Amino acid sequence: MSSYKPTGVCSRNIDFDIVDGKVRNVKFLGGCNGNLQGIGKLVEGMPVSEVVGKLKGLKCGAKQTSCPDQLARAIEEYEKSSD
């Protein structure tokens, strides 16, 4: 399980697994619980590149980022560190 500390959003932590190039077991701590559970369910089993492509750059209101964007950044960081 990988853990990521998001910045600029309400959630305080994102945990996730990458198994065979697919996103698994996404859990957010804090933030909009129902919405973030939904995001976790929607990306379950999706290829890493697809999740990043769909979520990277999304903004929350006037913020320059969002919880989905932070998940995409977490996955990218994980991918860079495992090269």
PDB file of N, CA and C in Angstrom:
ATOM      1  N   MET A   1       0.855  -1.182   0.000  1.00  0.00           N
ATOM      2  CA  MET A   1       0.000   0.000   0.000  1.00  0.00           C
ATOM      3  C   MET A   1       0.891   1.231   0.000  1.00  0.00           C
ATOM      4  N   SER A   2       0.589   2.144  -0.897  1.00  0.00           N
ATOM      5  CA  SER A   2       1.290   3.421  -0.960  1.00  0.00           C
ATOM      6  C   SER A   2       0.452   4.477  -0.267  1.00  0.00           C
ATOM      7  N   SER A   3       1.126   5.461   0.277  1.00  0.00           N
ATOM      8  CA  SER A   3       0.449   6.534   0.992  1.00  0.00           C
ATOM      9  C   SER A   3       0.966   7.868   0.457  1.00  0.00           C
ATOM     10  N   TYR A   4       0.060   8.831   0.328  1.00  0.00           N
ATOM     11  CA  TYR A   4       0.407  10.139  -0.235  1.00  0.00           C
ATOM     12  C   TYR A   4      -0.278  11.220   0.592  1.00  0.00           C
ATOM     13  N   LYS A   5       0.474  12.268   0.910  1.00  0.00           N
ATOM     14  CA  LYS A   5      -0.072  13.420   1.639  1.00  0.00           C
ATOM     15  C   LYS A   5      -0.444  14.506   0.626  1.00  0.00           C
ATOM     16  N   PRO A   6      -1.731  14.666   0.351  1.00  0.00           N
ATOM     17  CA  PRO A   6      -2.147  15.680  -0.622  1.00  0.00           C
ATOM     18  C   PRO A   6      -1.971  17.097  -0.078  1.00  0.00           C
ATOM     19  N   THR A   7      -1.869  18.046  -0.998  1.00  0.00           N
ATOM     20  CA  THR A   7      -1.764  19.455  -0.606  1.00  0.00           C
ATOM     21  C   THR A   7      -2.834  20.254  -1.333  1.00  0.00           C
ATOM     22  N   GLY A   8      -3.332  21.292  -0.663  1.00  0.00           N
ATOM     23  CA  GLY A   8      -4.290  22.199  -1.283  1.00  0.00           C
ATOM     24  C   GLY A   8      -5.716  21.689  -1.335  1.00  0.00           C
ATOM     25  N   VAL A   9      -6.007  20.576  -0.632  1.00  0.00           N
ATOM     26  CA  VAL A   9      -7.348  19.992  -0.634  1.00  0.00           C
ATOM     27  C   VAL A   9      -7.764  19.634   0.790  1.00  0.00           C
ATOM     28  N   CYS A  10      -9.007  19.236   0.949  1.00  0.00           N
ATOM     29  CA  CYS A  10      -9.530  18.897   2.272  1.00  0.00           C
ATOM     30  C   CYS A  10      -9.053  17.541   2.777  1.00  0.00           C
ATOM     31  N   SER A  11      -8.850  16.585   1.869  1.00  0.00           N
ATOM     32  CA  SER A  11      -8.403  15.267   2.329  1.00  0.00           C
ATOM     33  C   SER A  11      -6.975  15.376   2.869  1.00  0.00           C
ATOM     34  N   ARG A  12      -6.681  14.533   3.853  1.00  0.00           N
ATOM     35  CA  ARG A  12      -5.392  14.594   4.532  1.00  0.00           C
ATOM     36  C   ARG A  12      -4.437  13.484   4.118  1.00  0.00           C
ATOM     37  N   ASN A  13      -4.966  12.436   3.499  1.00  0.00           N
ATOM     38  CA  ASN A  13      -4.117  11.324   3.097  1.00  0.00           C
ATOM     39  C   ASN A  13      -4.831  10.502   2.029  1.00  0.00           C
ATOM     40  N   ILE A  14      -4.039   9.921   1.126  1.00  0.00           N
ATOM     41  CA  ILE A  14      -4.569   9.016   0.112  1.00  0.00           C
ATOM     42  C   ILE A  14      -3.745   7.737   0.162  1.00  0.00           C
ATOM     43  N   ASP A  15      -4.404   6.613   0.344  1.00  0.00           N
ATOM     44  CA  ASP A  15      -3.765   5.307   0.283  1.00  0.00           C
ATOM     45  C   ASP A  15      -4.256   4.592  -0.964  1.00  0.00           C
ATOM     46  N   PHE A  16      -3.363   3.842  -1.605  1.00  0.00           N
ATOM     47  CA  PHE A  16      -3.742   3.109  -2.818  1.00  0.00           C
ATOM     48  C   PHE A  16      -2.709   2.030  -3.095  1.00  0.00           C
ATOM     49  N   ASP A  17      -3.096   1.084  -3.917  1.00  0.00           N
ATOM     50  CA  ASP A  17      -2.193   0.053  -4.414  1.00  0.00           C
ATOM     51  C   ASP A  17      -2.143   0.146  -5.926  1.00  0.00           C
ATOM     52  N   ILE A  18      -1.022  -0.253  -6.486  1.00  0.00           N
ATOM     53  CA  ILE A  18      -0.894  -0.455  -7.928  1.00  0.00           C
ATOM     54  C   ILE A  18      -0.511  -1.923  -8.098  1.00  0.00           C
ATOM     55  N   VAL A  19      -1.378  -2.683  -8.765  1.00  0.00           N
ATOM     56  CA  VAL A  19      -1.154  -4.109  -8.972  1.00  0.00           C
ATOM     57  C   VAL A  19      -1.252  -4.379 -10.474  1.00  0.00           C
ATOM     58  N   ASP A  20      -0.166  -4.869 -11.049  1.00  0.00           N
ATOM     59  CA  ASP A  20      -0.128  -5.172 -12.485  1.00  0.00           C
ATOM     60  C   ASP A  20      -0.565  -3.982 -13.336  1.00  0.00           C
ATOM     61  N   GLY A  21      -0.118  -2.780 -12.935  1.00  0.00           N
ATOM     62  CA  GLY A  21      -0.418  -1.578 -13.713  1.00  0.00           C
ATOM     63  C   GLY A  21      -1.817  -1.032 -13.537  1.00  0.00           C
ATOM     64  N   LYS A  22      -2.537  -1.567 -12.548  1.00  0.00           N
ATOM     65  CA  LYS A  22      -3.912  -1.113 -12.310  1.00  0.00           C
ATOM     66  C   LYS A  22      -4.053  -0.561 -10.890  1.00  0.00           C
ATOM     67  N   VAL A  23      -4.937   0.421 -10.744  1.00  0.00           N
ATOM     68  CA  VAL A  23      -5.172   1.081  -9.461  1.00  0.00           C
ATOM     69  C   VAL A  23      -6.136   0.234  -8.637  1.00  0.00           C
ATOM     70  N   ARG A  24      -5.789   0.038  -7.379  1.00  0.00           N
ATOM     71  CA  ARG A  24      -6.606  -0.771  -6.466  1.00  0.00           C
ATOM     72  C   ARG A  24      -6.669  -0.114  -5.089  1.00  0.00           C
ATOM     73  N   ASN A  25      -7.738  -0.393  -4.380  1.00  0.00           N
ATOM     74  CA  ASN A  25      -7.875  -0.066  -2.950  1.00  0.00           C
ATOM     75  C   ASN A  25      -7.646   1.402  -2.599  1.00  0.00           C
ATOM     76  N   VAL A  26      -8.221   2.318  -3.367  1.00  0.00           N
ATOM     77  CA  VAL A  26      -8.054   3.751  -3.090  1.00  0.00           C
ATOM     78  C   VAL A  26      -8.879   4.129  -1.863  1.00  0.00           C
ATOM     79  N   LYS A  27      -8.230   4.779  -0.921  1.00  0.00           N
ATOM     80  CA  LYS A  27      -8.890   5.253   0.301  1.00  0.00           C
ATOM     81  C   LYS A  27      -8.399   6.668   0.600  1.00  0.00           C
ATOM     82  N   PHE A  28      -9.330   7.583   0.795  1.00  0.00           N
ATOM     83  CA  PHE A  28      -9.017   8.957   1.183  1.00  0.00           C
ATOM     84  C   PHE A  28      -9.327   9.128   2.661  1.00  0.00           C
ATOM     85  N   LEU A  29      -8.501   9.881   3.358  1.00  0.00           N
ATOM     86  CA  LEU A  29      -8.771  10.253   4.746  1.00  0.00           C
ATOM     87  C   LEU A  29      -9.144  11.729   4.746  1.00  0.00           C
ATOM     88  N   GLY A  30     -10.347  12.027   5.224  1.00  0.00           N
ATOM     89  CA  GLY A  30     -10.838  13.399   5.215  1.00  0.00           C
ATOM     90  C   GLY A  30     -11.455  13.734   3.867  1.00  0.00           C
ATOM     91  N   GLY A  31     -11.903  14.945   3.729  1.00  0.00           N
ATOM     92  CA  GLY A  31     -12.526  15.373   2.483  1.00  0.00           C
ATOM     93  C   GLY A  31     -13.998  15.003   2.432  1.00  0.00           C
ATOM     94  N   CYS A  32     -14.571  15.057   1.267  1.00  0.00           N
ATOM     95  CA  CYS A  32     -15.993  14.764   1.038  1.00  0.00           C
ATOM     96  C   CYS A  32     -16.175  13.253   0.938  1.00  0.00           C
ATOM     97  N   ASN A  33     -16.487  12.635   2.027  1.00  0.00           N
ATOM     98  CA  ASN A  33     -16.463  11.179   2.157  1.00  0.00           C
ATOM     99  C   ASN A  33     -17.202  10.432   1.049  1.00  0.00           C
ATOM    100  N   GLY A  34     -18.435  10.769   0.798  1.00  0.00           N
ATOM    101  CA  GLY A  34     -19.207  10.057  -0.217  1.00  0.00           C
ATOM    102  C   GLY A  34     -18.603  10.199  -1.609  1.00  0.00           C
ATOM    103  N   ASN A  35     -18.231  11.418  -1.966  1.00  0.00           N
ATOM    104  CA  ASN A  35     -17.636  11.648  -3.287  1.00  0.00           C
ATOM    105  C   ASN A  35     -16.320  10.899  -3.438  1.00  0.00           C
ATOM    106  N   LEU A  36     -15.509  10.910  -2.399  1.00  0.00           N
ATOM    107  CA  LEU A  36     -14.202  10.263  -2.485  1.00  0.00           C
ATOM    108  C   LEU A  36     -14.315   8.743  -2.474  1.00  0.00           C
ATOM    109  N   GLN A  37     -15.301   8.213  -1.770  1.00  0.00           N
ATOM    110  CA  GLN A  37     -15.549   6.775  -1.861  1.00  0.00           C
ATOM    111  C   GLN A  37     -15.953   6.417  -3.286  1.00  0.00           C
ATOM    112  N   GLY A  38     -16.777   7.269  -3.887  1.00  0.00           N
ATOM    113  CA  GLY A  38     -17.210   7.048  -5.268  1.00  0.00           C
ATOM    114  C   GLY A  38     -16.039   7.051  -6.232  1.00  0.00           C
ATOM    115  N   ILE A  39     -15.122   7.984  -6.075  1.00  0.00           N
ATOM    116  CA  ILE A  39     -13.943   8.032  -6.938  1.00  0.00           C
ATOM    117  C   ILE A  39     -13.139   6.746  -6.780  1.00  0.00           C
ATOM    118  N   GLY A  40     -12.962   6.314  -5.537  1.00  0.00           N
ATOM    119  CA  GLY A  40     -12.233   5.067  -5.291  1.00  0.00           C
ATOM    120  C   GLY A  40     -12.864   3.882  -5.998  1.00  0.00           C
ATOM    121  N   LYS A  41     -14.182   3.793  -5.957  1.00  0.00           N
ATOM    122  CA  LYS A  41     -14.899   2.694  -6.630  1.00  0.00           C
ATOM    123  C   LYS A  41     -14.788   2.808  -8.152  1.00  0.00           C
ATOM    124  N   LEU A  42     -14.900   4.027  -8.659  1.00  0.00           N
ATOM    125  CA  LEU A  42     -14.863   4.222 -10.106  1.00  0.00           C
ATOM    126  C   LEU A  42     -13.503   3.894 -10.720  1.00  0.00           C
ATOM    127  N   VAL A  43     -12.423   4.178 -10.005  1.00  0.00           N
ATOM    128  CA  VAL A  43     -11.088   3.924 -10.566  1.00  0.00           C
ATOM    129  C   VAL A  43     -10.577   2.513 -10.252  1.00  0.00           C
ATOM    130  N   GLU A  44     -11.276   1.773  -9.427  1.00  0.00           N
ATOM    131  CA  GLU A  44     -10.847   0.423  -9.047  1.00  0.00           C
ATOM    132  C   GLU A  44     -10.637  -0.431 -10.300  1.00  0.00           C
ATOM    133  N   GLY A  45      -9.426  -0.947 -10.444  1.00  0.00           N
ATOM    134  CA  GLY A  45      -9.104  -1.834 -11.552  1.00  0.00           C
ATOM    135  C   GLY A  45      -8.756  -1.139 -12.856  1.00  0.00           C
ATOM    136  N   MET A  46      -8.790   0.191 -12.877  1.00  0.00           N
ATOM    137  CA  MET A  46      -8.444   0.929 -14.097  1.00  0.00           C
ATOM    138  C   MET A  46      -6.929   0.974 -14.269  1.00  0.00           C
ATOM    139  N   PRO A  47      -6.478   0.975 -15.516  1.00  0.00           N
ATOM    140  CA  PRO A  47      -5.042   1.151 -15.757  1.00  0.00           C
ATOM    141  C   PRO A  47      -4.572   2.513 -15.241  1.00  0.00           C
ATOM    142  N   VAL A  48      -3.349   2.531 -14.735  1.00  0.00           N
ATOM    143  CA  VAL A  48      -2.760   3.748 -14.182  1.00  0.00           C
ATOM    144  C   VAL A  48      -2.883   4.914 -15.163  1.00  0.00           C
ATOM    145  N   SER A  49      -2.515   4.695 -16.418  1.00  0.00           N
ATOM    146  CA  SER A  49      -2.523   5.790 -17.397  1.00  0.00           C
ATOM    147  C   SER A  49      -3.926   6.353 -17.614  1.00  0.00           C
ATOM    148  N   GLU A  50      -4.926   5.515 -17.541  1.00  0.00           N
ATOM    149  CA  GLU A  50      -6.301   5.972 -17.725  1.00  0.00           C
ATOM    150  C   GLU A  50      -6.759   6.839 -16.546  1.00  0.00           C
ATOM    151  N   VAL A  51      -6.426   6.416 -15.329  1.00  0.00           N
ATOM    152  CA  VAL A  51      -6.795   7.188 -14.133  1.00  0.00           C
ATOM    153  C   VAL A  51      -6.129   8.556 -14.185  1.00  0.00           C
ATOM    154  N   VAL A  52      -4.834   8.580 -14.463  1.00  0.00           N
ATOM    155  CA  VAL A  52      -4.110   9.854 -14.523  1.00  0.00           C
ATOM    156  C   VAL A  52      -4.688  10.730 -15.627  1.00  0.00           C
ATOM    157  N   GLY A  53      -4.950  10.161 -16.776  1.00  0.00           N
ATOM    158  CA  GLY A  53      -5.494  10.921 -17.897  1.00  0.00           C
ATOM    159  C   GLY A  53      -6.842  11.544 -17.611  1.00  0.00           C
ATOM    160  N   LYS A  54      -7.677  10.847 -16.853  1.00  0.00           N
ATOM    161  CA  LYS A  54      -9.022  11.353 -16.557  1.00  0.00           C
ATOM    162  C   LYS A  54      -9.042  12.353 -15.405  1.00  0.00           C
ATOM    163  N   LEU A  55      -8.153  12.181 -14.415  1.00  0.00           N
ATOM    164  CA  LEU A  55      -8.244  12.973 -13.190  1.00  0.00           C
ATOM    165  C   LEU A  55      -7.259  14.134 -13.091  1.00  0.00           C
ATOM    166  N   LYS A  56      -6.126  14.033 -13.774  1.00  0.00           N
ATOM    167  CA  LYS A  56      -5.101  15.072 -13.645  1.00  0.00           C
ATOM    168  C   LYS A  56      -5.619  16.403 -14.170  1.00  0.00           C
ATOM    169  N   GLY A  57      -5.424  17.433 -13.366  1.00  0.00           N
ATOM    170  CA  GLY A  57      -5.797  18.787 -13.768  1.00  0.00           C
ATOM    171  C   GLY A  57      -7.174  19.233 -13.315  1.00  0.00           C
ATOM    172  N   LEU A  58      -7.960  18.331 -12.733  1.00  0.00           N
ATOM    173  CA  LEU A  58      -9.280  18.740 -12.235  1.00  0.00           C
ATOM    174  C   LEU A  58      -9.118  19.697 -11.062  1.00  0.00           C
ATOM    175  N   LYS A  59      -9.967  20.702 -11.008  1.00  0.00           N
ATOM    176  CA  LYS A  59      -9.916  21.699  -9.930  1.00  0.00           C
ATOM    177  C   LYS A  59     -11.184  21.633  -9.095  1.00  0.00           C
ATOM    178  N   CYS A  60     -11.068  22.039  -7.855  1.00  0.00           N
ATOM    179  CA  CYS A  60     -12.198  22.090  -6.927  1.00  0.00           C
ATOM    180  C   CYS A  60     -12.486  23.557  -6.610  1.00  0.00           C
ATOM    181  N   GLY A  61     -13.550  24.083  -7.178  1.00  0.00           N
ATOM    182  CA  GLY A  61     -13.891  25.491  -6.956  1.00  0.00           C
ATOM    183  C   GLY A  61     -12.757  26.390  -7.406  1.00  0.00           C
ATOM    184  N   ALA A  62     -12.353  27.302  -6.544  1.00  0.00           N
ATOM    185  CA  ALA A  62     -11.273  28.239  -6.868  1.00  0.00           C
ATOM    186  C   ALA A  62      -9.886  27.653  -6.611  1.00  0.00           C
ATOM    187  N   LYS A  63      -9.831  26.454  -6.029  1.00  0.00           N
ATOM    188  CA  LYS A  63      -8.532  25.819  -5.755  1.00  0.00           C
ATOM    189  C   LYS A  63      -7.873  25.416  -7.067  1.00  0.00           C
ATOM    190  N   GLN A  64      -6.572  25.368  -7.075  1.00  0.00           N
ATOM    191  CA  GLN A  64      -5.821  24.984  -8.270  1.00  0.00           C
ATOM    192  C   GLN A  64      -5.670  23.469  -8.411  1.00  0.00           C
ATOM    193  N   THR A  65      -6.263  22.718  -7.501  1.00  0.00           N
ATOM    194  CA  THR A  65      -6.190  21.267  -7.509  1.00  0.00           C
ATOM    195  C   THR A  65      -7.495  20.719  -6.949  1.00  0.00           C
ATOM    196  N   SER A  66      -7.575  19.405  -6.846  1.00  0.00           N
ATOM    197  CA  SER A  66      -8.745  18.745  -6.270  1.00  0.00           C
ATOM    198  C   SER A  66      -8.279  17.399  -5.729  1.00  0.00           C
ATOM    199  N   CYS A  67      -9.140  16.723  -5.000  1.00  0.00           N
ATOM    200  CA  CYS A  67      -8.781  15.392  -4.510  1.00  0.00           C
ATOM    201  C   CYS A  67      -8.514  14.425  -5.673  1.00  0.00           C
ATOM    202  N   PRO A  68      -9.328  14.421  -6.739  1.00  0.00           N
ATOM    203  CA  PRO A  68      -8.998  13.552  -7.867  1.00  0.00           C
ATOM    204  C   PRO A  68      -7.648  13.911  -8.508  1.00  0.00           C
ATOM    205  N   ASP A  69      -7.366  15.204  -8.652  1.00  0.00           N
ATOM    206  CA  ASP A  69      -6.078  15.638  -9.196  1.00  0.00           C
ATOM    207  C   ASP A  69      -4.946  15.161  -8.290  1.00  0.00           C
ATOM    208  N   GLN A  70      -5.138  15.246  -6.989  1.00  0.00           N
ATOM    209  CA  GLN A  70      -4.108  14.794  -6.056  1.00  0.00           C
ATOM    210  C   GLN A  70      -3.894  13.283  -6.157  1.00  0.00           C
ATOM    211  N   LEU A  71      -4.949  12.524  -6.406  1.00  0.00           N
ATOM    212  CA  LEU A  71      -4.798  11.087  -6.625  1.00  0.00           C
ATOM    213  C   LEU A  71      -3.954  10.843  -7.876  1.00  0.00           C
ATOM    214  N   ALA A  72      -4.219  11.578  -8.944  1.00  0.00           N
ATOM    215  CA  ALA A  72      -3.428  11.441 -10.166  1.00  0.00           C
ATOM    216  C   ALA A  72      -1.963  11.761  -9.900  1.00  0.00           C
ATOM    217  N   ARG A  73      -1.707  12.806  -9.134  1.00  0.00           N
ATOM    218  CA  ARG A  73      -0.327  13.181  -8.797  1.00  0.00           C
ATOM    219  C   ARG A  73       0.333  12.104  -7.942  1.00  0.00           C
ATOM    220  N   ALA A  74      -0.430  11.528  -7.021  1.00  0.00           N
ATOM    221  CA  ALA A  74       0.101  10.453  -6.172  1.00  0.00           C
ATOM    222  C   ALA A  74       0.520   9.255  -7.019  1.00  0.00           C
ATOM    223  N   ILE A  75      -0.314   8.918  -7.980  1.00  0.00           N
ATOM    224  CA  ILE A  75      -0.019   7.785  -8.860  1.00  0.00           C
ATOM    225  C   ILE A  75       1.208   8.090  -9.709  1.00  0.00           C
ATOM    226  N   GLU A  76       1.297   9.296 -10.244  1.00  0.00           N
ATOM    227  CA  GLU A  76       2.472   9.674 -11.030  1.00  0.00           C
ATOM    228  C   GLU A  76       3.749   9.601 -10.192  1.00  0.00           C
ATOM    229  N   GLU A  77       3.678  10.100  -8.971  1.00  0.00           N
ATOM    230  CA  GLU A  77       4.825  10.053  -8.083  1.00  0.00           C
ATOM    231  C   GLU A  77       5.233   8.599  -7.806  1.00  0.00           C
ATOM    232  N   TYR A  78       4.247   7.763  -7.571  1.00  0.00           N
ATOM    233  CA  TYR A  78       4.516   6.341  -7.343  1.00  0.00           C
ATOM    234  C   TYR A  78       5.212   5.741  -8.568  1.00  0.00           C
ATOM    235  N   GLU A  79       4.697   6.021  -9.748  1.00  0.00           N
ATOM    236  CA  GLU A  79       5.272   5.480 -10.981  1.00  0.00           C
ATOM    237  C   GLU A  79       6.716   5.932 -11.183  1.00  0.00           C
ATOM    238  N   LYS A  80       7.007   7.190 -10.892  1.00  0.00           N
ATOM    239  CA  LYS A  80       8.378   7.705 -11.033  1.00  0.00           C
ATOM    240  C   LYS A  80       9.320   7.025 -10.052  1.00  0.00           C
ATOM    241  N   SER A  81       8.842   6.807  -8.829  1.00  0.00           N
ATOM    242  CA  SER A  81       9.704   6.199  -7.807  1.00  0.00           C
ATOM    243  C   SER A  81       9.928   4.712  -8.024  1.00  0.00           C
ATOM    244  N   SER A  82       9.078   4.062  -8.811  1.00  0.00           N
ATOM    245  CA  SER A  82       9.243   2.623  -9.014  1.00  0.00           C
ATOM    246  C   SER A  82       9.965   2.300 -10.324  1.00  0.00           C
ATOM    247  N   ASP A  83      10.400   3.344 -11.049  1.00  0.00           N
ATOM    248  CA  ASP A  83      11.160   3.120 -12.298  1.00  0.00           C
ATOM    249  C   ASP A  83      12.568   2.662 -12.004  1.00  0.00           C
TER     250      ASP A  83
END
